Every structure is written in structure tokens, then in C-alpha cells.
Amino acid sequence: MFKHTKILQYNTLPDKPDALMARRLQENLGGHWGEMTGMAAYLFQGWNLSTPGNEKYKTYY
């Protein structure tokens, strides 16, 4: 389901630290509405609905 590679898509070196960009990037990945938060919510929701006894909450398509 998940694959991790250590190859970077772009090899760049920053001129100087940019705190504002780091804050925006951190929010986008793991903040309150970030991608990692959304992924974890869907993942755990799927796990919780697959446990025995939760059949009444499932939707079948």
C-alpha cells in the first residue's frame, strides 16, 4: 500500500533557512488539515469498520 524510496525528485540546496516555508510545508504534510492527517483518518476509519460487530455501519456498493 505504501512505498518509500530515498531518491529525491529534485536535488536543490537552499540559499538560507526559510522559516515561513518550513511552517507551510509542515502544515501541509502533518498539520491539522494536512495530507498525513487525512491519510491516517481514512486508514483508521477503514480498520475500525472492518472489526466484527460494526456491520451496521458498513455501506455496500
N, C-alpha and C. Protein backbone atom coordinates (compact mmCIF):
# COMPACT_ATOMS: atom_id res chain seq x y z
N MET A 1 0.82 -1.18 0.00
CA MET A 1 0.00 0.00 0.00
C MET A 1 0.87 1.26 0.00
N PHE A 2 1.93 1.28 0.78
CA PHE A 2 2.80 2.44 0.86
C PHE A 2 4.19 2.04 0.39
N LYS A 3 4.84 2.92 -0.33
CA LYS A 3 6.19 2.65 -0.81
C LYS A 3 7.06 3.86 -0.50
N HIS A 4 8.26 3.61 0.00
CA HIS A 4 9.19 4.69 0.34
C HIS A 4 10.48 4.49 -0.43
N THR A 5 10.90 5.52 -1.14
CA THR A 5 12.19 5.49 -1.81
C THR A 5 13.02 6.65 -1.30
N LYS A 6 14.32 6.47 -1.23
CA LYS A 6 15.19 7.51 -0.72
C LYS A 6 15.73 8.42 -1.82
N ILE A 7 15.28 8.24 -3.05
CA ILE A 7 15.71 9.07 -4.16
C ILE A 7 14.89 10.35 -4.16
N LEU A 8 15.56 11.50 -4.21
CA LEU A 8 14.86 12.77 -4.24
C LEU A 8 14.38 13.08 -5.65
N GLN A 9 13.24 13.73 -5.74
CA GLN A 9 12.72 14.11 -7.04
C GLN A 9 13.52 15.27 -7.62
N TYR A 10 13.90 16.23 -6.77
CA TYR A 10 14.70 17.37 -7.18
C TYR A 10 15.85 17.54 -6.21
N ASN A 11 17.04 17.68 -6.71
CA ASN A 11 18.21 17.92 -5.86
C ASN A 11 18.49 19.42 -5.84
N THR A 12 18.12 20.07 -4.76
CA THR A 12 18.35 21.50 -4.62
C THR A 12 18.93 21.79 -3.25
N LEU A 13 19.67 22.87 -3.16
CA LEU A 13 20.21 23.34 -1.90
C LEU A 13 19.66 24.74 -1.63
N PRO A 14 19.10 24.98 -0.46
CA PRO A 14 18.56 26.31 -0.16
C PRO A 14 19.69 27.31 0.06
N ASP A 15 19.42 28.57 -0.29
CA ASP A 15 20.39 29.65 -0.05
C ASP A 15 20.50 29.97 1.43
N LYS A 16 19.34 30.00 2.09
CA LYS A 16 19.29 30.31 3.53
C LYS A 16 18.04 29.65 4.11
N PRO A 17 17.98 29.47 5.41
CA PRO A 17 16.78 28.89 6.03
C PRO A 17 15.55 29.78 5.81
N ASP A 18 14.43 29.17 5.55
CA ASP A 18 13.18 29.89 5.34
C ASP A 18 12.14 29.34 6.31
N ALA A 19 11.97 30.00 7.42
CA ALA A 19 11.06 29.53 8.48
C ALA A 19 9.61 29.52 8.02
N LEU A 20 9.20 30.50 7.23
CA LEU A 20 7.82 30.56 6.78
C LEU A 20 7.49 29.39 5.85
N MET A 21 8.39 29.09 4.93
CA MET A 21 8.16 27.96 4.03
C MET A 21 8.18 26.63 4.80
N ALA A 22 9.05 26.50 5.77
CA ALA A 22 9.10 25.29 6.59
C ALA A 22 7.79 25.11 7.35
N ARG A 23 7.24 26.20 7.86
CA ARG A 23 5.96 26.14 8.58
C ARG A 23 4.82 25.71 7.66
N ARG A 24 4.80 26.28 6.45
CA ARG A 24 3.76 25.91 5.48
C ARG A 24 3.88 24.46 5.06
N LEU A 25 5.10 24.01 4.83
CA LEU A 25 5.31 22.62 4.43
C LEU A 25 4.92 21.66 5.54
N GLN A 26 5.26 21.99 6.77
CA GLN A 26 4.90 21.14 7.90
C GLN A 26 3.38 21.07 8.06
N GLU A 27 2.69 22.18 7.88
CA GLU A 27 1.23 22.18 7.99
C GLU A 27 0.61 21.35 6.87
N ASN A 28 1.17 21.42 5.68
CA ASN A 28 0.63 20.69 4.55
C ASN A 28 0.80 19.18 4.74
N LEU A 29 1.90 18.76 5.30
CA LEU A 29 2.15 17.33 5.47
C LEU A 29 1.49 16.76 6.72
N GLY A 30 1.67 17.40 7.86
CA GLY A 30 1.21 16.78 9.09
C GLY A 30 0.41 17.67 9.99
N GLY A 31 -0.05 18.79 9.50
CA GLY A 31 -0.81 19.70 10.34
C GLY A 31 -2.25 19.24 10.53
N HIS A 32 -3.07 20.13 11.01
CA HIS A 32 -4.45 19.80 11.34
C HIS A 32 -5.22 19.33 10.11
N TRP A 33 -5.00 19.95 8.96
CA TRP A 33 -5.69 19.57 7.73
C TRP A 33 -4.72 19.01 6.70
N GLY A 34 -3.59 18.50 7.14
CA GLY A 34 -2.54 18.04 6.22
C GLY A 34 -2.82 16.68 5.60
N GLU A 35 -1.97 16.33 4.65
CA GLU A 35 -2.13 15.08 3.91
C GLU A 35 -1.97 13.86 4.81
N MET A 36 -0.98 13.88 5.70
CA MET A 36 -0.76 12.73 6.57
C MET A 36 -1.92 12.55 7.55
N THR A 37 -2.50 13.66 8.01
CA THR A 37 -3.64 13.58 8.92
C THR A 37 -4.84 12.96 8.21
N GLY A 38 -5.08 13.40 6.98
CA GLY A 38 -6.18 12.83 6.21
C GLY A 38 -5.99 11.35 5.91
N MET A 39 -4.77 10.97 5.56
CA MET A 39 -4.47 9.57 5.28
C MET A 39 -4.69 8.71 6.51
N ALA A 40 -4.22 9.18 7.66
CA ALA A 40 -4.38 8.41 8.90
C ALA A 40 -5.86 8.28 9.27
N ALA A 41 -6.64 9.34 9.06
CA ALA A 41 -8.07 9.29 9.39
C ALA A 41 -8.78 8.24 8.55
N TYR A 42 -8.53 8.24 7.24
CA TYR A 42 -9.17 7.24 6.37
C TYR A 42 -8.69 5.83 6.69
N LEU A 43 -7.41 5.68 6.98
CA LEU A 43 -6.85 4.38 7.29
C LEU A 43 -7.47 3.80 8.56
N PHE A 44 -7.53 4.59 9.62
CA PHE A 44 -8.09 4.10 10.87
C PHE A 44 -9.59 3.90 10.78
N GLN A 45 -10.28 4.73 9.99
CA GLN A 45 -11.71 4.54 9.80
C GLN A 45 -11.98 3.20 9.11
N GLY A 46 -11.17 2.88 8.12
CA GLY A 46 -11.32 1.59 7.43
C GLY A 46 -11.04 0.42 8.35
N TRP A 47 -10.04 0.55 9.19
CA TRP A 47 -9.73 -0.53 10.14
C TRP A 47 -10.86 -0.71 11.15
N ASN A 48 -11.42 0.39 11.63
CA ASN A 48 -12.47 0.29 12.64
C ASN A 48 -13.75 -0.32 12.08
N LEU A 49 -14.04 -0.06 10.82
CA LEU A 49 -15.26 -0.62 10.24
C LEU A 49 -15.11 -2.07 9.86
N SER A 50 -13.88 -2.57 9.82
CA SER A 50 -13.70 -3.97 9.44
C SER A 50 -13.69 -4.91 10.64
N THR A 51 -13.84 -4.38 11.85
CA THR A 51 -13.86 -5.24 13.04
C THR A 51 -15.24 -5.87 13.18
N PRO A 52 -15.31 -7.07 13.71
CA PRO A 52 -16.60 -7.73 13.89
C PRO A 52 -17.53 -6.91 14.80
N GLY A 53 -18.80 -6.86 14.45
CA GLY A 53 -19.79 -6.13 15.25
C GLY A 53 -20.12 -4.77 14.69
N ASN A 54 -19.39 -4.31 13.68
CA ASN A 54 -19.65 -2.99 13.09
C ASN A 54 -20.32 -3.10 11.73
N GLU A 55 -21.01 -4.20 11.46
CA GLU A 55 -21.62 -4.41 10.15
C GLU A 55 -22.72 -3.39 9.85
N LYS A 56 -23.38 -2.88 10.87
CA LYS A 56 -24.48 -1.94 10.62
C LYS A 56 -23.98 -0.59 10.10
N TYR A 57 -22.69 -0.29 10.25
CA TYR A 57 -22.15 0.97 9.77
C TYR A 57 -21.55 0.87 8.37
N LYS A 58 -21.44 -0.34 7.84
CA LYS A 58 -20.84 -0.52 6.53
C LYS A 58 -21.83 -0.14 5.42
N THR A 59 -21.30 0.36 4.34
CA THR A 59 -22.10 0.62 3.16
C THR A 59 -21.59 -0.28 2.05
N TYR A 60 -22.48 -0.90 1.34
CA TYR A 60 -22.09 -1.80 0.27
C TYR A 60 -22.46 -1.16 -1.06
N TYR A 61 -21.51 -1.17 -1.96
CA TYR A 61 -21.74 -0.55 -3.27
C TYR A 61 -21.84 -1.61 -4.33
